[in-house]
Amino acid sequence: MFLLVQIELERECMALALQEEKKAQAERERRLKEQEQKIENLSTMVINSAVDDRDFDKRNKKVWSFSLCFWLHSNQQGASSPY
C-alpha cells in the first residue's frame, strides 16, 4: 500500500512539473514573438526612413534644379534688359 501512495505522489509531482514546464515554454514563446515583432517594427522603420531619405533627396534635387533654371533664366532676361 505504501508503495502505491509513493508512486501516486511521484506521478502528481511529475504532472505538476510538466504543467509548470508548459507554462514556462508558453511564456518563452510569447516573449520570442514580442521580440520578433519589435525587430520587424525596427526593420520597417529603417526601411521607411531610407525610402523617405531617398524621396527627400529626389525632391531636393528637383527643387534645386528648378531654382537653378529659374535663376539662370532670370539672369538671361536681366542681361538684355536696359534696367
N, C-alpha and C. Protein backbone atom coordinates (compact mmCIF):
# COMPACT_ATOMS: atom_id res chain seq x y z
N MET A 1 0.82 -1.19 0.00
CA MET A 1 0.00 0.00 0.00
C MET A 1 0.87 1.27 0.00
N PHE A 2 1.93 1.26 0.84
CA PHE A 2 2.83 2.41 0.91
C PHE A 2 3.46 2.69 -0.45
N LEU A 3 3.80 1.65 -1.16
CA LEU A 3 4.41 1.79 -2.48
C LEU A 3 3.45 2.46 -3.45
N LEU A 4 2.18 2.13 -3.41
CA LEU A 4 1.18 2.75 -4.28
C LEU A 4 1.01 4.24 -3.97
N VAL A 5 1.03 4.61 -2.73
CA VAL A 5 0.90 6.02 -2.33
C VAL A 5 2.13 6.79 -2.81
N GLN A 6 3.30 6.18 -2.64
CA GLN A 6 4.53 6.83 -3.08
C GLN A 6 4.53 7.02 -4.60
N ILE A 7 4.11 6.03 -5.34
CA ILE A 7 4.05 6.13 -6.79
C ILE A 7 3.04 7.20 -7.20
N GLU A 8 1.90 7.26 -6.53
CA GLU A 8 0.89 8.28 -6.84
C GLU A 8 1.43 9.69 -6.56
N LEU A 9 2.16 9.87 -5.48
CA LEU A 9 2.75 11.17 -5.16
C LEU A 9 3.79 11.56 -6.22
N GLU A 10 4.59 10.63 -6.66
CA GLU A 10 5.59 10.91 -7.69
C GLU A 10 4.91 11.30 -9.00
N ARG A 11 3.82 10.60 -9.31
CA ARG A 11 3.09 10.92 -10.53
C ARG A 11 2.52 12.34 -10.46
N GLU A 12 1.95 12.72 -9.33
CA GLU A 12 1.41 14.07 -9.16
C GLU A 12 2.52 15.12 -9.25
N CYS A 13 3.66 14.82 -8.66
CA CYS A 13 4.80 15.75 -8.74
C CYS A 13 5.25 15.92 -10.18
N MET A 14 5.32 14.83 -10.91
CA MET A 14 5.73 14.90 -12.30
C MET A 14 4.70 15.67 -13.13
N ALA A 15 3.42 15.47 -12.84
CA ALA A 15 2.36 16.18 -13.57
C ALA A 15 2.46 17.69 -13.30
N LEU A 16 2.71 18.05 -12.04
CA LEU A 16 2.87 19.46 -11.70
C LEU A 16 4.11 20.05 -12.37
N ALA A 17 5.20 19.29 -12.38
CA ALA A 17 6.42 19.76 -13.03
C ALA A 17 6.20 19.95 -14.53
N LEU A 18 5.47 19.03 -15.14
CA LEU A 18 5.16 19.13 -16.56
C LEU A 18 4.28 20.36 -16.84
N GLN A 19 3.32 20.59 -15.98
CA GLN A 19 2.44 21.76 -16.14
C GLN A 19 3.24 23.06 -16.02
N GLU A 20 4.15 23.12 -15.07
CA GLU A 20 5.00 24.30 -14.91
C GLU A 20 5.91 24.49 -16.12
N GLU A 21 6.43 23.41 -16.65
CA GLU A 21 7.30 23.49 -17.82
C GLU A 21 6.51 23.99 -19.04
N LYS A 22 5.26 23.54 -19.17
CA LYS A 22 4.43 24.01 -20.28
C LYS A 22 4.16 25.50 -20.15
N LYS A 23 3.91 25.98 -18.94
CA LYS A 23 3.70 27.42 -18.71
C LYS A 23 4.96 28.20 -19.06
N ALA A 24 6.11 27.69 -18.63
CA ALA A 24 7.38 28.37 -18.92
C ALA A 24 7.64 28.40 -20.42
N GLN A 25 7.35 27.30 -21.11
CA GLN A 25 7.53 27.25 -22.57
C GLN A 25 6.62 28.25 -23.26
N ALA A 26 5.37 28.33 -22.82
CA ALA A 26 4.43 29.30 -23.41
C ALA A 26 4.91 30.73 -23.19
N GLU A 27 5.45 31.01 -22.02
CA GLU A 27 5.97 32.35 -21.71
C GLU A 27 7.18 32.66 -22.60
N ARG A 28 8.08 31.68 -22.79
CA ARG A 28 9.25 31.88 -23.67
C ARG A 28 8.79 32.16 -25.10
N GLU A 29 7.80 31.42 -25.57
CA GLU A 29 7.29 31.63 -26.93
C GLU A 29 6.65 33.01 -27.07
N ARG A 30 5.91 33.44 -26.04
CA ARG A 30 5.29 34.77 -26.06
C ARG A 30 6.36 35.86 -26.14
N ARG A 31 7.40 35.72 -25.33
CA ARG A 31 8.49 36.70 -25.35
C ARG A 31 9.23 36.70 -26.69
N LEU A 32 9.42 35.52 -27.24
CA LEU A 32 10.08 35.42 -28.54
C LEU A 32 9.25 36.13 -29.62
N LYS A 33 7.94 35.94 -29.60
CA LYS A 33 7.07 36.62 -30.57
C LYS A 33 7.13 38.13 -30.39
N GLU A 34 7.16 38.59 -29.14
CA GLU A 34 7.29 40.03 -28.88
C GLU A 34 8.60 40.57 -29.45
N GLN A 35 9.68 39.84 -29.23
CA GLN A 35 10.98 40.27 -29.75
C GLN A 35 10.98 40.29 -31.28
N GLU A 36 10.38 39.27 -31.88
CA GLU A 36 10.30 39.23 -33.34
C GLU A 36 9.51 40.41 -33.87
N GLN A 37 8.41 40.77 -33.17
CA GLN A 37 7.60 41.92 -33.59
C GLN A 37 8.40 43.21 -33.46
N LYS A 38 9.15 43.36 -32.38
CA LYS A 38 9.98 44.55 -32.20
C LYS A 38 11.02 44.66 -33.30
N ILE A 39 11.65 43.53 -33.63
CA ILE A 39 12.65 43.53 -34.70
C ILE A 39 12.00 43.91 -36.02
N GLU A 40 10.82 43.35 -36.29
CA GLU A 40 10.10 43.68 -37.53
C GLU A 40 9.75 45.16 -37.58
N ASN A 41 9.29 45.70 -36.46
CA ASN A 41 8.95 47.13 -36.40
C ASN A 41 10.18 48.00 -36.65
N LEU A 42 11.30 47.65 -36.03
CA LEU A 42 12.52 48.43 -36.24
C LEU A 42 12.99 48.33 -37.68
N SER A 43 12.91 47.13 -38.26
CA SER A 43 13.31 46.96 -39.65
C SER A 43 12.44 47.81 -40.57
N THR A 44 11.15 47.82 -40.29
CA THR A 44 10.23 48.62 -41.10
C THR A 44 10.55 50.10 -40.96
N MET A 45 10.88 50.54 -39.73
CA MET A 45 11.23 51.94 -39.53
C MET A 45 12.48 52.31 -40.32
N VAL A 46 13.48 51.43 -40.32
CA VAL A 46 14.72 51.70 -41.04
C VAL A 46 14.46 51.77 -42.53
N ILE A 47 13.70 50.81 -43.04
CA ILE A 47 13.38 50.78 -44.47
C ILE A 47 12.61 52.03 -44.86
N ASN A 48 11.59 52.37 -44.07
CA ASN A 48 10.79 53.56 -44.38
C ASN A 48 11.63 54.83 -44.30
N SER A 49 12.54 54.88 -43.34
CA SER A 49 13.41 56.05 -43.21
C SER A 49 14.31 56.18 -44.44
N ALA A 50 14.85 55.05 -44.89
CA ALA A 50 15.71 55.08 -46.08
C ALA A 50 14.93 55.53 -47.31
N VAL A 51 13.70 55.05 -47.44
CA VAL A 51 12.86 55.45 -48.57
C VAL A 51 12.54 56.93 -48.47
N ASP A 52 12.21 57.39 -47.26
CA ASP A 52 11.91 58.81 -47.06
C ASP A 52 13.12 59.67 -47.40
N ASP A 53 14.31 59.23 -46.96
CA ASP A 53 15.53 59.98 -47.27
C ASP A 53 15.77 60.05 -48.77
N ARG A 54 15.58 58.92 -49.44
CA ARG A 54 15.79 58.87 -50.88
C ARG A 54 14.78 59.79 -51.58
N ASP A 55 13.51 59.72 -51.17
CA ASP A 55 12.49 60.59 -51.76
C ASP A 55 12.78 62.05 -51.47
N PHE A 56 13.26 62.34 -50.25
CA PHE A 56 13.59 63.72 -49.88
C PHE A 56 14.72 64.23 -50.77
N ASP A 57 15.74 63.38 -50.98
CA ASP A 57 16.86 63.77 -51.85
C ASP A 57 16.38 64.04 -53.27
N LYS A 58 15.48 63.19 -53.77
CA LYS A 58 14.97 63.40 -55.12
C LYS A 58 14.20 64.71 -55.21
N ARG A 59 13.36 64.98 -54.21
CA ARG A 59 12.59 66.24 -54.21
C ARG A 59 13.52 67.44 -54.14
N ASN A 60 14.56 67.34 -53.30
CA ASN A 60 15.50 68.46 -53.18
C ASN A 60 16.23 68.70 -54.48
N LYS A 61 16.60 67.62 -55.18
CA LYS A 61 17.29 67.78 -56.46
C LYS A 61 16.38 68.45 -57.47
N LYS A 62 15.09 68.08 -57.45
CA LYS A 62 14.15 68.70 -58.38
C LYS A 62 13.97 70.17 -58.05
N VAL A 63 13.84 70.50 -56.78
CA VAL A 63 13.67 71.90 -56.37
C VAL A 63 14.93 72.68 -56.71
N TRP A 64 16.09 72.10 -56.41
CA TRP A 64 17.34 72.78 -56.68
C TRP A 64 17.50 73.00 -58.19
N SER A 65 17.17 71.99 -58.98
CA SER A 65 17.28 72.12 -60.44
C SER A 65 16.33 73.18 -60.95
N PHE A 66 15.11 73.17 -60.47
CA PHE A 66 14.15 74.16 -60.89
C PHE A 66 14.62 75.56 -60.49
N SER A 67 15.12 75.69 -59.27
CA SER A 67 15.60 77.00 -58.79
C SER A 67 16.77 77.49 -59.65
N LEU A 68 17.68 76.60 -59.98
CA LEU A 68 18.83 76.97 -60.80
C LEU A 68 18.36 77.41 -62.19
N CYS A 69 17.46 76.65 -62.79
CA CYS A 69 16.94 77.01 -64.12
C CYS A 69 16.23 78.36 -64.06
N PHE A 70 15.44 78.57 -63.04
CA PHE A 70 14.73 79.84 -62.89
C PHE A 70 15.73 80.99 -62.74
N TRP A 71 16.76 80.78 -61.93
CA TRP A 71 17.76 81.81 -61.70
C TRP A 71 18.51 82.12 -63.00
N LEU A 72 18.91 81.06 -63.72
CA LEU A 72 19.63 81.28 -64.98
C LEU A 72 18.74 82.01 -65.98
N HIS A 73 17.50 81.62 -66.07
CA HIS A 73 16.57 82.26 -67.00
C HIS A 73 16.36 83.73 -66.60
N SER A 74 16.24 83.98 -65.30
CA SER A 74 16.06 85.36 -64.84
C SER A 74 17.28 86.22 -65.16
N ASN A 75 18.46 85.66 -64.99
CA ASN A 75 19.69 86.42 -65.28
C ASN A 75 19.85 86.67 -66.78
N GLN A 76 19.43 85.73 -67.58
CA GLN A 76 19.49 85.94 -69.02
C GLN A 76 18.52 87.04 -69.43
N GLN A 77 17.37 87.03 -68.83
CA GLN A 77 16.37 88.07 -69.12
C GLN A 77 16.91 89.43 -68.66
N GLY A 78 17.54 89.43 -67.49
CA GLY A 78 18.05 90.67 -66.92
C GLY A 78 19.20 91.23 -67.71
N ALA A 79 20.00 90.39 -68.34
CA ALA A 79 21.18 90.85 -69.08
C ALA A 79 20.78 91.65 -70.32
N SER A 80 19.65 91.29 -70.92
CA SER A 80 19.23 92.01 -72.13
C SER A 80 18.37 93.21 -71.79
N SER A 81 18.00 93.32 -70.52
CA SER A 81 17.13 94.43 -70.13
C SER A 81 17.97 95.68 -69.89
N PRO A 82 17.47 96.85 -70.27
CA PRO A 82 18.22 98.09 -70.03
C PRO A 82 18.27 98.46 -68.56
N TYR A 83 17.46 97.83 -67.73
CA TYR A 83 17.45 98.16 -66.30
C TYR A 83 18.47 97.33 -65.63
